[in-house]
PDB file of all heavy atoms in Angstrom:
ATOM      1  N   ALA A   1     140.285 -85.758 -43.248  1.00  0.00           N
ATOM      2  CA  ALA A   1     140.793 -85.418 -42.041  1.00  0.00           C
ATOM      3  C   ALA A   1     142.302 -85.015 -42.096  1.00  0.00           C
ATOM      4  O   ALA A   1     142.998 -85.454 -42.825  1.00  0.00           O
ATOM      5  CB  ALA A   1     140.669 -86.417 -40.911  1.00  0.00           C
ATOM      6  N   GLN A   2     142.714 -84.062 -41.150  1.00  0.00           N
ATOM      7  CA  GLN A   2     144.008 -83.629 -41.173  1.00  0.00           C
ATOM      8  C   GLN A   2     144.378 -83.432 -39.572  1.00  0.00           C
ATOM      9  O   GLN A   2     143.675 -82.674 -38.966  1.00  0.00           O
ATOM     10  CB  GLN A   2     144.273 -82.386 -41.918  1.00  0.00           C
ATOM     11  CG  GLN A   2     145.747 -81.920 -42.088  1.00  0.00           C
ATOM     12  CD  GLN A   2     146.408 -81.286 -40.961  1.00  0.00           C
ATOM     13  OE1 GLN A   2     145.741 -80.377 -40.187  1.00  0.00           O
ATOM     14  NE2 GLN A   2     147.588 -81.500 -40.774  1.00  0.00           N
ATOM     15  N   PHE A   3     145.500 -84.104 -39.081  1.00  0.00           N
ATOM     16  CA  PHE A   3     145.886 -83.932 -37.772  1.00  0.00           C
ATOM     17  C   PHE A   3     147.365 -83.629 -37.671  1.00  0.00           C
ATOM     18  O   PHE A   3     147.825 -82.758 -37.030  1.00  0.00           O
ATOM     19  CB  PHE A   3     145.538 -85.150 -36.918  1.00  0.00           C
ATOM     20  CG  PHE A   3     143.985 -85.414 -36.922  1.00  0.00           C
ATOM     21  CD1 PHE A   3     143.545 -86.368 -37.643  1.00  0.00           C
ATOM     22  CD2 PHE A   3     143.213 -84.583 -36.199  1.00  0.00           C
ATOM     23  CE1 PHE A   3     142.070 -86.661 -37.633  1.00  0.00           C
ATOM     24  CE2 PHE A   3     141.877 -84.780 -36.103  1.00  0.00           C
ATOM     25  CZ  PHE A   3     141.354 -85.854 -36.814  1.00  0.00           C
ATOM     26  N   ALA A   4     148.211 -84.519 -38.243  1.00  0.00           N
ATOM     27  CA  ALA A   4     149.780 -84.469 -38.319  1.00  0.00           C
ATOM     28  C   ALA A   4     150.262 -84.328 -36.908  1.00  0.00           C
ATOM     29  O   ALA A   4     151.042 -83.412 -36.569  1.00  0.00           O
ATOM     30  CB  ALA A   4     150.143 -83.421 -39.134  1.00  0.00           C
ATOM     31  N   GLU A   5     149.791 -85.265 -35.983  1.00  0.00           N
ATOM     32  CA  GLU A   5     150.269 -85.200 -34.662  1.00  0.00           C
ATOM     33  C   GLU A   5     151.176 -86.380 -34.086  1.00  0.00           C
ATOM     34  O   GLU A   5     151.724 -86.316 -33.082  1.00  0.00           O
ATOM     35  CB  GLU A   5     148.959 -85.034 -33.702  1.00  0.00           C
ATOM     36  CG  GLU A   5     148.251 -83.822 -33.805  1.00  0.00           C
ATOM     37  CD  GLU A   5     148.917 -82.517 -33.312  1.00  0.00           C
ATOM     38  OE1 GLU A   5     150.014 -82.660 -32.614  1.00  0.00           O
ATOM     39  OE2 GLU A   5     148.513 -81.452 -33.618  1.00  0.00           O
ATOM     40  N   VAL A   6     151.167 -87.442 -34.864  1.00  0.00           N
ATOM     41  CA  VAL A   6     151.816 -88.597 -34.515  1.00  0.00           C
ATOM     42  C   VAL A   6     153.366 -88.363 -34.598  1.00  0.00           C
ATOM     43  O   VAL A   6     153.816 -87.869 -35.652  1.00  0.00           O
ATOM     44  CB  VAL A   6     151.383 -89.901 -35.342  1.00  0.00           C
ATOM     45  CG1 VAL A   6     152.295 -91.181 -35.081  1.00  0.00           C
ATOM     46  CG2 VAL A   6     149.953 -90.129 -35.091  1.00  0.00           C
ATOM     47  N   GLU A   7     154.148 -88.842 -33.669  1.00  0.00           N
ATOM     48  CA  GLU A   7     155.545 -88.695 -33.696  1.00  0.00           C
ATOM     49  C   GLU A   7     156.164 -89.189 -35.103  1.00  0.00           C
ATOM     50  O   GLU A   7     155.904 -90.426 -35.457  1.00  0.00           O
ATOM     51  CB  GLU A   7     156.230 -89.577 -32.626  1.00  0.00           C
ATOM     52  CG  GLU A   7     157.616 -89.382 -32.517  1.00  0.00           C
ATOM     53  CD  GLU A   7     158.180 -88.019 -31.984  1.00  0.00           C
ATOM     54  OE1 GLU A   7     157.374 -87.490 -31.164  1.00  0.00           O
ATOM     55  OE2 GLU A   7     159.220 -87.675 -32.393  1.00  0.00           O
ATOM     56  N   GLY A   8     156.998 -88.447 -35.726  1.00  0.00           N
ATOM     57  CA  GLY A   8     157.522 -88.874 -36.983  1.00  0.00           C
ATOM     58  C   GLY A   8     156.727 -88.477 -38.157  1.00  0.00           C
ATOM     59  O   GLY A   8     157.030 -88.652 -39.333  1.00  0.00           O
ATOM     60  N   PHE A   9     155.424 -87.991 -37.888  1.00  0.00           N
ATOM     61  CA  PHE A   9     154.482 -87.741 -39.070  1.00  0.00           C
ATOM     62  C   PHE A   9     153.827 -86.332 -38.857  1.00  0.00           C
ATOM     63  O   PHE A   9     152.697 -86.183 -39.123  1.00  0.00           O
ATOM     64  CB  PHE A   9     153.378 -88.806 -39.084  1.00  0.00           C
ATOM     65  CG  PHE A   9     153.871 -90.168 -39.495  1.00  0.00           C
ATOM     66  CD1 PHE A   9     154.307 -91.070 -38.505  1.00  0.00           C
ATOM     67  CD2 PHE A   9     154.043 -90.505 -40.722  1.00  0.00           C
ATOM     68  CE1 PHE A   9     154.900 -92.274 -38.831  1.00  0.00           C
ATOM     69  CE2 PHE A   9     154.570 -91.717 -41.177  1.00  0.00           C
ATOM     70  CZ  PHE A   9     155.015 -92.614 -40.212  1.00  0.00           C
ATOM     71  N   ALA A  10     154.633 -85.387 -38.326  1.00  0.00           N
ATOM     72  CA  ALA A  10     154.025 -84.066 -38.156  1.00  0.00           C
ATOM     73  C   ALA A  10     154.002 -83.218 -39.496  1.00  0.00           C
ATOM     74  O   ALA A  10     153.427 -82.075 -39.462  1.00  0.00           O
ATOM     75  CB  ALA A  10     155.083 -83.223 -37.306  1.00  0.00           C
ATOM     76  N   HIS A  11     154.522 -83.859 -40.456  1.00  0.00           N
ATOM     77  CA  HIS A  11     154.291 -83.283 -41.911  1.00  0.00           C
ATOM     78  C   HIS A  11     152.878 -83.179 -42.219  1.00  0.00           C
ATOM     79  O   HIS A  11     152.242 -84.266 -41.965  1.00  0.00           O
ATOM     80  CB  HIS A  11     155.095 -84.130 -42.824  1.00  0.00           C
ATOM     81  CG  HIS A  11     155.182 -83.498 -44.236  1.00  0.00           C
ATOM     82  ND1 HIS A  11     156.529 -83.274 -44.749  1.00  0.00           N
ATOM     83  CD2 HIS A  11     154.347 -83.391 -45.206  1.00  0.00           C
ATOM     84  CE1 HIS A  11     156.287 -82.897 -46.016  1.00  0.00           C
ATOM     85  NE2 HIS A  11     155.058 -82.959 -46.267  1.00  0.00           N
ATOM     86  N   VAL A  12     152.306 -82.023 -42.462  1.00  0.00           N
ATOM     87  CA  VAL A  12     150.957 -81.889 -42.800  1.00  0.00           C
ATOM     88  C   VAL A  12     150.577 -82.988 -43.894  1.00  0.00           C
ATOM     89  O   VAL A  12     151.317 -83.326 -44.823  1.00  0.00           O
ATOM     90  CB  VAL A  12     150.614 -80.527 -43.421  1.00  0.00           C
ATOM     91  CG1 VAL A  12     149.304 -80.521 -44.085  1.00  0.00           C
ATOM     92  CG2 VAL A  12     150.565 -79.519 -42.305  1.00  0.00           C
ATOM     93  N   HIS A  13     149.488 -83.703 -43.640  1.00  0.00           N
ATOM     94  CA  HIS A  13     148.897 -84.653 -44.543  1.00  0.00           C
ATOM     95  C   HIS A  13     147.247 -84.765 -44.334  1.00  0.00           C
ATOM     96  O   HIS A  13     146.920 -84.535 -43.234  1.00  0.00           O
ATOM     97  CB  HIS A  13     149.565 -85.914 -44.445  1.00  0.00           C
ATOM     98  CG  HIS A  13     149.556 -86.617 -43.025  1.00  0.00           C
ATOM     99  ND1 HIS A  13     150.347 -86.226 -42.153  1.00  0.00           N
ATOM    100  CD2 HIS A  13     148.784 -87.536 -42.590  1.00  0.00           C
ATOM    101  CE1 HIS A  13     150.065 -86.919 -40.978  1.00  0.00           C
ATOM    102  NE2 HIS A  13     149.116 -87.717 -41.245  1.00  0.00           N
ATOM    103  N   PHE A  14     146.615 -84.997 -45.345  1.00  0.00           N
ATOM    104  CA  PHE A  14     145.149 -85.157 -45.445  1.00  0.00           C
ATOM    105  C   PHE A  14     144.832 -86.477 -45.676  1.00  0.00           C
ATOM    106  O   PHE A  14     145.215 -87.049 -46.611  1.00  0.00           O
ATOM    107  CB  PHE A  14     144.612 -84.155 -46.329  1.00  0.00           C
ATOM    108  CG  PHE A  14     144.841 -82.719 -46.074  1.00  0.00           C
ATOM    109  CD1 PHE A  14     145.912 -82.183 -46.564  1.00  0.00           C
ATOM    110  CD2 PHE A  14     143.928 -81.919 -45.417  1.00  0.00           C
ATOM    111  CE1 PHE A  14     146.280 -80.787 -46.403  1.00  0.00           C
ATOM    112  CE2 PHE A  14     144.159 -80.628 -45.130  1.00  0.00           C
ATOM    113  CZ  PHE A  14     145.323 -80.130 -45.557  1.00  0.00           C
ATOM    114  N   HIS A  15     144.099 -87.204 -44.688  1.00  0.00           N
ATOM    115  CA  HIS A  15     143.634 -88.480 -44.887  1.00  0.00           C
ATOM    116  C   HIS A  15     142.313 -88.273 -45.794  1.00  0.00           C
ATOM    117  O   HIS A  15     141.421 -87.546 -45.369  1.00  0.00           O
ATOM    118  CB  HIS A  15     143.221 -89.167 -43.594  1.00  0.00           C
ATOM    119  CG  HIS A  15     144.430 -89.333 -42.640  1.00  0.00           C
ATOM    120  ND1 HIS A  15     145.203 -90.485 -42.702  1.00  0.00           N
ATOM    121  CD2 HIS A  15     145.015 -88.434 -41.687  1.00  0.00           C
ATOM    122  CE1 HIS A  15     146.177 -90.381 -41.861  1.00  0.00           C
ATOM    123  NE2 HIS A  15     146.087 -89.115 -41.271  1.00  0.00           N
ATOM    124  N   VAL A  16     142.157 -89.146 -46.746  1.00  0.00           N
ATOM    125  CA  VAL A  16     140.981 -89.111 -47.578  1.00  0.00           C
ATOM    126  C   VAL A  16     140.538 -90.640 -47.733  1.00  0.00           C
ATOM    127  O   VAL A  16     141.226 -91.548 -48.174  1.00  0.00           O
ATOM    128  CB  VAL A  16     141.229 -88.733 -49.011  1.00  0.00           C
ATOM    129  CG1 VAL A  16     139.873 -88.687 -49.784  1.00  0.00           C
ATOM    130  CG2 VAL A  16     141.815 -87.217 -48.898  1.00  0.00           C
ATOM    131  N   MET A  17     139.514 -90.886 -46.898  1.00  0.00           N
ATOM    132  CA  MET A  17     139.016 -92.182 -46.566  1.00  0.00           C
ATOM    133  C   MET A  17     137.795 -92.517 -47.244  1.00  0.00           C
ATOM    134  O   MET A  17     136.741 -91.785 -47.026  1.00  0.00           O
ATOM    135  CB  MET A  17     138.895 -92.509 -45.090  1.00  0.00           C
ATOM    136  CG  MET A  17     140.186 -92.096 -44.413  1.00  0.00           C
ATOM    137  SD  MET A  17     139.924 -91.501 -42.678  1.00  0.00           S
ATOM    138  CE  MET A  17     139.494 -89.843 -42.886  1.00  0.00           C
ATOM    139  N   PRO A  18     137.648 -93.636 -47.949  1.00  0.00           N
ATOM    140  CA  PRO A  18     136.325 -94.100 -48.585  1.00  0.00           C
ATOM    141  C   PRO A  18     135.409 -94.578 -47.509  1.00  0.00           C
ATOM    142  O   PRO A  18     135.746 -95.396 -46.600  1.00  0.00           O
ATOM    143  CB  PRO A  18     136.666 -95.246 -49.461  1.00  0.00           C
ATOM    144  CG  PRO A  18     137.975 -95.863 -48.973  1.00  0.00           C
ATOM    145  CD  PRO A  18     138.664 -94.743 -48.373  1.00  0.00           C
ATOM    146  N   ARG A  19     134.106 -94.120 -47.531  1.00  0.00           N
ATOM    147  CA  ARG A  19     133.107 -94.561 -46.613  1.00  0.00           C
ATOM    148  C   ARG A  19     132.161 -95.472 -47.331  1.00  0.00           C
ATOM    149  O   ARG A  19     131.431 -95.108 -48.167  1.00  0.00           O
ATOM    150  CB  ARG A  19     132.483 -93.362 -46.072  1.00  0.00           C
ATOM    151  CG  ARG A  19     131.743 -93.589 -44.584  1.00  0.00           C
ATOM    152  CD  ARG A  19     130.787 -94.708 -44.396  1.00  0.00           C
ATOM    153  NE  ARG A  19     129.525 -94.180 -44.029  1.00  0.00           N
ATOM    154  CZ  ARG A  19     128.308 -94.628 -44.487  1.00  0.00           C
ATOM    155  NH1 ARG A  19     128.219 -95.675 -45.170  1.00  0.00           N
ATOM    156  NH2 ARG A  19     127.289 -94.055 -43.996  1.00  0.00           N
ATOM    157  N   MET A  20     132.404 -96.777 -47.052  1.00  0.00           N
ATOM    158  CA  MET A  20     131.555 -97.795 -47.763  1.00  0.00           C
ATOM    159  C   MET A  20     130.261 -97.922 -47.321  1.00  0.00           C
ATOM    160  O   MET A  20     130.032 -97.633 -46.035  1.00  0.00           O
ATOM    161  CB  MET A  20     132.394 -99.193 -47.878  1.00  0.00           C
ATOM    162  CG  MET A  20     133.722 -99.121 -48.260  1.00  0.00           C
ATOM    163  SD  MET A  20     133.966 -98.447 -50.071  1.00  0.00           S
ATOM    164  CE  MET A  20     133.093 -99.820 -50.945  1.00  0.00           C
ATOM    165  N   ALA A  21     129.314 -98.241 -48.043  1.00  0.00           N
ATOM    166  CA  ALA A  21     127.828 -98.501 -47.558  1.00  0.00           C
ATOM    167  C   ALA A  21     127.794 -99.442 -46.461  1.00  0.00           C
ATOM    168  O   ALA A  21     127.029 -99.280 -45.533  1.00  0.00           O
ATOM    169  CB  ALA A  21     127.011 -98.883 -48.782  1.00  0.00           C
ATOM    170  N   ASN A  22     128.721-100.450 -46.535  1.00  0.00           N
ATOM    171  CA  ASN A  22     128.552-101.506 -45.374  1.00  0.00           C
ATOM    172  C   ASN A  22     129.574-101.279 -44.235  1.00  0.00           C
ATOM    173  O   ASN A  22     129.687-102.119 -43.317  1.00  0.00           O
ATOM    174  CB  ASN A  22     128.840-102.873 -46.106  1.00  0.00           C
ATOM    175  CG  ASN A  22     130.276-103.011 -46.516  1.00  0.00           C
ATOM    176  OD1 ASN A  22     131.106-102.064 -46.736  1.00  0.00           O
ATOM    177  ND2 ASN A  22     130.645-104.213 -46.959  1.00  0.00           N
ATOM    178  N   LEU A  23     130.040-100.146 -44.111  1.00  0.00           N
ATOM    179  CA  LEU A  23     131.044 -99.811 -43.006  1.00  0.00           C
ATOM    180  C   LEU A  23     130.132 -99.841 -41.737  1.00  0.00           C
ATOM    181  O   LEU A  23     129.031 -99.217 -41.569  1.00  0.00           O
ATOM    182  CB  LEU A  23     131.688 -98.396 -43.075  1.00  0.00           C
ATOM    183  CG  LEU A  23     132.647 -98.108 -41.923  1.00  0.00           C
ATOM    184  CD1 LEU A  23     133.839 -99.009 -42.095  1.00  0.00           C
ATOM    185  CD2 LEU A  23     133.068 -96.508 -42.100  1.00  0.00           C
ATOM    186  N   SER A  24     130.480-100.597 -40.714  1.00  0.00           N
ATOM    187  CA  SER A  24     129.832-100.840 -39.451  1.00  0.00           C
ATOM    188  C   SER A  24     129.537 -99.400 -38.852  1.00  0.00           C
ATOM    189  O   SER A  24     130.353 -98.712 -38.871  1.00  0.00           O
ATOM    190  CB  SER A  24     130.444-101.758 -38.514  1.00  0.00           C
ATOM    191  OG  SER A  24     131.580-101.221 -37.992  1.00  0.00           O
ATOM    192  N   GLN A  25     128.380 -99.310 -38.221  1.00  0.00           N
ATOM    193  CA  GLN A  25     128.117 -98.078 -37.534  1.00  0.00           C
ATOM    194  C   GLN A  25     129.114 -97.725 -36.412  1.00  0.00           C
ATOM    195  O   GLN A  25     129.397 -96.407 -36.223  1.00  0.00           O
ATOM    196  CB  GLN A  25     126.759 -98.387 -36.739  1.00  0.00           C
ATOM    197  CG  GLN A  25     125.980 -97.154 -36.455  1.00  0.00           C
ATOM    198  CD  GLN A  25     125.395 -96.277 -37.580  1.00  0.00           C
ATOM    199  OE1 GLN A  25     125.239 -96.864 -38.648  1.00  0.00           O
ATOM    200  NE2 GLN A  25     125.420 -95.033 -37.542  1.00  0.00           N
ATOM    201  N   GLU A  26     129.854 -98.675 -35.787  1.00  0.00           N
ATOM    202  CA  GLU A  26     130.864 -98.405 -34.833  1.00  0.00           C
ATOM    203  C   GLU A  26     132.028 -97.759 -35.403  1.00  0.00           C
ATOM    204  O   GLU A  26     132.832 -97.271 -34.671  1.00  0.00           O
ATOM    205  CB  GLU A  26     131.208 -99.647 -34.146  1.00  0.00           C
ATOM    206  CG  GLU A  26     130.058-100.309 -33.267  1.00  0.00           C
ATOM    207  CD  GLU A  26     129.079-101.095 -34.241  1.00  0.00           C
ATOM    208  OE1 GLU A  26     129.483-101.623 -35.232  1.00  0.00           O
ATOM    209  OE2 GLU A  26     127.942-101.208 -33.967  1.00  0.00           O
ATOM    210  N   LEU A  27     132.199 -97.746 -36.633  1.00  0.00           N
ATOM    211  CA  LEU A  27     133.389 -97.296 -37.402  1.00  0.00           C
ATOM    212  C   LEU A  27     133.079 -96.009 -38.208  1.00  0.00           C
ATOM    213  O   LEU A  27     134.081 -95.532 -38.837  1.00  0.00           O
ATOM    214  CB  LEU A  27     134.133 -98.369 -38.136  1.00  0.00           C
ATOM    215  CG  LEU A  27     134.688 -99.509 -37.444  1.00  0.00           C
ATOM    216  CD1 LEU A  27     135.259-100.585 -38.333  1.00  0.00           C
ATOM    217  CD2 LEU A  27     135.873 -99.000 -36.512  1.00  0.00           C
ATOM    218  N   ARG A  28     131.977 -95.513 -38.219  1.00  0.00           N
ATOM    219  CA  ARG A  28     131.584 -94.352 -39.015  1.00  0.00           C
ATOM    220  C   ARG A  28     132.037 -93.052 -38.238  1.00  0.00           C
ATOM    221  O   ARG A  28     132.204 -93.000 -37.012  1.00  0.00           O
ATOM    222  CB  ARG A  28     130.091 -94.318 -39.273  1.00  0.00           C
ATOM    223  CG  ARG A  28     129.706 -95.419 -40.131  1.00  0.00           C
ATOM    224  CD  ARG A  28     128.353 -95.450 -40.598  1.00  0.00           C
ATOM    225  NE  ARG A  28     128.032 -96.623 -41.419  1.00  0.00           N
ATOM    226  CZ  ARG A  28     126.817 -96.868 -41.840  1.00  0.00           C
ATOM    227  NH1 ARG A  28     125.778 -96.057 -41.777  1.00  0.00           N
ATOM    228  NH2 ARG A  28     126.614 -97.952 -42.530  1.00  0.00           N
ATOM    229  N   GLY A  29     132.187 -92.070 -39.098  1.00  0.00           N
ATOM    230  CA  GLY A  29     132.578 -90.713 -38.541  1.00  0.00           C
ATOM    231  C   GLY A  29     134.102 -90.874 -38.052  1.00  0.00           C
ATOM    232  O   GLY A  29     134.863 -91.560 -38.672  1.00  0.00           O
ATOM    233  N   PRO A  30     134.500 -89.990 -37.003  1.00  0.00           N
ATOM    234  CA  PRO A  30     135.833 -90.108 -36.575  1.00  0.00           C
ATOM    235  C   PRO A  30     136.301 -91.423 -36.065  1.00  0.00           C
ATOM    236  O   PRO A  30     137.528 -91.665 -35.988  1.00  0.00           O
ATOM    237  CB  PRO A  30     135.743 -88.972 -35.365  1.00  0.00           C
ATOM    238  CG  PRO A  30     134.462 -88.810 -35.062  1.00  0.00           C
ATOM    239  CD  PRO A  30     133.513 -89.181 -36.247  1.00  0.00           C
ATOM    240  N   ARG A  31     135.377 -92.375 -35.728  1.00  0.00           N
ATOM    241  CA  ARG A  31     135.787 -93.627 -35.267  1.00  0.00           C
ATOM    242  C   ARG A  31     136.450 -94.461 -36.386  1.00  0.00           C
ATOM    243  O   ARG A  31     137.132 -95.480 -36.182  1.00  0.00           O
ATOM    244  CB  ARG A  31     134.513 -94.458 -34.730  1.00  0.00           C
ATOM    245  CG  ARG A  31     134.157 -93.647 -33.391  1.00  0.00           C
ATOM    246  CD  ARG A  31     133.004 -94.471 -32.775  1.00  0.00           C
ATOM    247  NE  ARG A  31     131.737 -94.674 -33.752  1.00  0.00           N
ATOM    248  CZ  ARG A  31     130.760 -93.816 -33.900  1.00  0.00           C
ATOM    249  NH1 ARG A  31     130.642 -92.764 -33.076  1.00  0.00           N
ATOM    250  NH2 ARG A  31     129.786 -94.171 -34.661  1.00  0.00           N
ATOM    251  N   VAL A  32     136.398 -94.010 -37.656  1.00  0.00           N
ATOM    252  CA  VAL A  32     137.046 -94.776 -38.763  1.00  0.00           C
ATOM    253  C   VAL A  32     138.525 -94.735 -38.515  1.00  0.00           C
ATOM    254  O   VAL A  32     139.213 -95.591 -38.873  1.00  0.00           O
ATOM    255  CB  VAL A  32     136.780 -94.027 -40.170  1.00  0.00           C
ATOM    256  CG1 VAL A  32     137.410 -92.726 -40.280  1.00  0.00           C
ATOM    257  CG2 VAL A  32     137.030 -95.017 -41.398  1.00  0.00           C
ATOM    258  N   LEU A  33     138.970 -93.785 -37.656  1.00  0.00           N
ATOM    259  CA  LEU A  33     140.500 -93.835 -37.459  1.00  0.00           C
ATOM    260  C   LEU A  33     140.886 -95.080 -36.657  1.00  0.00           C
ATOM    261  O   LEU A  33     142.174 -95.314 -36.693  1.00  0.00           O
ATOM    262  CB  LEU A  33     140.806 -92.525 -36.648  1.00  0.00           C
ATOM    263  CG  LEU A  33     140.674 -91.206 -37.425  1.00  0.00           C
ATOM    264  CD1 LEU A  33     140.759 -90.040 -36.378  1.00  0.00           C
ATOM    265  CD2 LEU A  33     141.519 -91.034 -38.518  1.00  0.00           C
ATOM    266  N   GLU A  34     140.028 -95.735 -36.138  1.00  0.00           N
ATOM    267  CA  GLU A  34     140.329 -97.133 -35.562  1.00  0.00           C
ATOM    268  C   GLU A  34     140.916 -98.064 -36.481  1.00  0.00           C
ATOM    269  O   GLU A  34     141.598 -99.049 -35.986  1.00  0.00           O
ATOM    270  CB  GLU A  34     139.206 -97.640 -34.722  1.00  0.00           C
ATOM    271  CG  GLU A  34     138.607 -96.784 -33.542  1.00  0.00           C
ATOM    272  CD  GLU A  34     137.535 -97.206 -32.898  1.00  0.00           C
ATOM    273  OE1 GLU A  34     137.119 -98.499 -32.874  1.00  0.00           O
ATOM    274  OE2 GLU A  34     136.813 -96.479 -32.234  1.00  0.00           O
ATOM    275  N   LEU A  35     140.698 -97.831 -37.740  1.00  0.00           N
ATOM    276  CA  LEU A  35     141.062 -98.740 -38.815  1.00  0.00           C
ATOM    277  C   LEU A  35     142.575 -98.447 -39.268  1.00  0.00           C
ATOM    278  O   LEU A  35     143.128 -99.079 -40.133  1.00  0.00           O
ATOM    279  CB  LEU A  35     140.159 -98.768 -39.898  1.00  0.00           C
ATOM    280  CG  LEU A  35     138.811 -99.211 -39.774  1.00  0.00           C
ATOM    281  CD1 LEU A  35     137.947 -99.054 -40.879  1.00  0.00           C
ATOM    282  CD2 LEU A  35     138.935-100.718 -39.315  1.00  0.00           C
ATOM    283  N   LEU A  36     143.231 -97.383 -38.677  1.00  0.00           N
ATOM    284  CA  LEU A  36     144.588 -97.081 -38.957  1.00  0.00           C
ATOM    285  C   LEU A  36     145.463 -97.682 -37.802  1.00  0.00           C
ATOM    286  O   LEU A  36     145.019 -97.847 -36.709  1.00  0.00           O
ATOM    287  CB  LEU A  36     144.696 -95.533 -38.955  1.00  0.00           C
ATOM    288  CG  LEU A  36     145.980 -94.931 -39.607  1.00  0.00           C
ATOM    289  CD1 LEU A  36     146.119 -95.369 -41.195  1.00  0.00           C
ATOM    290  CD2 LEU A  36     145.831 -93.480 -39.415  1.00  0.00           C
ATOM    291  N   ARG A  37     146.678 -97.788 -38.219  1.00  0.00           N
ATOM    292  CA  ARG A  37     147.778 -98.428 -37.334  1.00  0.00           C
ATOM    293  C   ARG A  37     147.313 -99.796 -36.771  1.00  0.00           C
ATOM    294  O   ARG A  37     147.395-100.079 -35.488  1.00  0.00           O
ATOM    295  CB  ARG A  37     148.015 -97.493 -36.211  1.00  0.00           C
ATOM    296  CG  ARG A  37     148.824 -96.256 -36.725  1.00  0.00           C
ATOM    297  CD  ARG A  37     149.486 -95.395 -35.636  1.00  0.00           C
ATOM    298  NE  ARG A  37     148.591 -95.110 -34.489  1.00  0.00           N
ATOM    299  CZ  ARG A  37     147.855 -94.028 -34.347  1.00  0.00           C
ATOM    300  NH1 ARG A  37     147.808 -93.198 -35.249  1.00  0.00           N
ATOM    301  NH2 ARG A  37     147.067 -93.939 -33.218  1.00  0.00           N
ATOM    302  N   ARG A  38     146.834-100.646 -37.697  1.00  0.00           N
ATOM    303  CA  ARG A  38     146.290-101.954 -37.344  1.00  0.00           C
ATOM    304  C   ARG A  38     147.487-102.901 -37.324  1.00  0.00           C
ATOM    305  O   ARG A  38     148.431-102.725 -37.977  1.00  0.00           O
ATOM    306  CB  ARG A  38     145.211-102.434 -38.256  1.00  0.00           C
ATOM    307  CG  ARG A  38     143.980-101.464 -38.380  1.00  0.00           C
ATOM    308  CD  ARG A  38     143.344-101.409 -37.093  1.00  0.00           C
ATOM    309  NE  ARG A  38     142.456-102.417 -36.817  1.00  0.00           N
ATOM    310  CZ  ARG A  38     141.356-102.404 -36.070  1.00  0.00           C
ATOM    311  NH1 ARG A  38     141.158-101.269 -35.336  1.00  0.00           N
ATOM    312  NH2 ARG A  38     140.529-103.428 -35.882  1.00  0.00           N
ATOM    313  N   PRO A  39     147.386-104.020 -36.615  1.00  0.00           N
ATOM    314  CA  PRO A  39     148.420-105.067 -36.658  1.00  0.00           C
ATOM    315  C   PRO A  39     148.410-105.564 -38.046  1.00  0.00           C
ATOM    316  O   PRO A  39     147.473-105.622 -38.845  1.00  0.00           O
ATOM    317  CB  PRO A  39     147.769-106.167 -35.654  1.00  0.00           C
ATOM    318  CG  PRO A  39     146.780-105.446 -34.852  1.00  0.00           C
ATOM    319  CD  PRO A  39     146.207-104.351 -35.538  1.00  0.00           C
ATOM    320  N   ALA A  40     149.671-106.215 -38.365  1.00  0.00           N
ATOM    321  CA  ALA A  40     149.922-106.722 -39.815  1.00  0.00           C
ATOM    322  C   ALA A  40     148.897-107.489 -40.305  1.00  0.00           C
ATOM    323  O   ALA A  40     148.380-107.363 -41.550  1.00  0.00           O
ATOM    324  CB  ALA A  40     151.236-107.295 -39.923  1.00  0.00           C
ATOM    325  N   GLN A  41     148.341-108.360 -39.532  1.00  0.00           N
ATOM    326  CA  GLN A  41     147.348-109.414 -39.927  1.00  0.00           C
ATOM    327  C   GLN A  41     146.010-108.823 -40.330  1.00  0.00           C
ATOM    328  O   GLN A  41     145.209-109.429 -41.082  1.00  0.00           O
ATOM    329  CB  GLN A  41     147.235-110.673 -39.047  1.00  0.00           C
ATOM    330  CG  GLN A  41     146.615-110.329 -37.643  1.00  0.00           C
ATOM    331  CD  GLN A  41     147.653-109.745 -36.605  1.00  0.00           C
ATOM    332  OE1 GLN A  41     148.794-109.316 -36.991  1.00  0.00           O
ATOM    333  NE2 GLN A  41     147.248-110.041 -35.399  1.00  0.00           N
TER     334      GLN A  41
END
């Protein structure tokens, strides 16, 4: 995926994300982006 829209990160960049067999259905496809910008823990 490529968006480059977040403040401070407008520099073009491509996300290359592994889709594991056990990734929950709720996080598949574009919903995988929910795993970005997570709290430290």
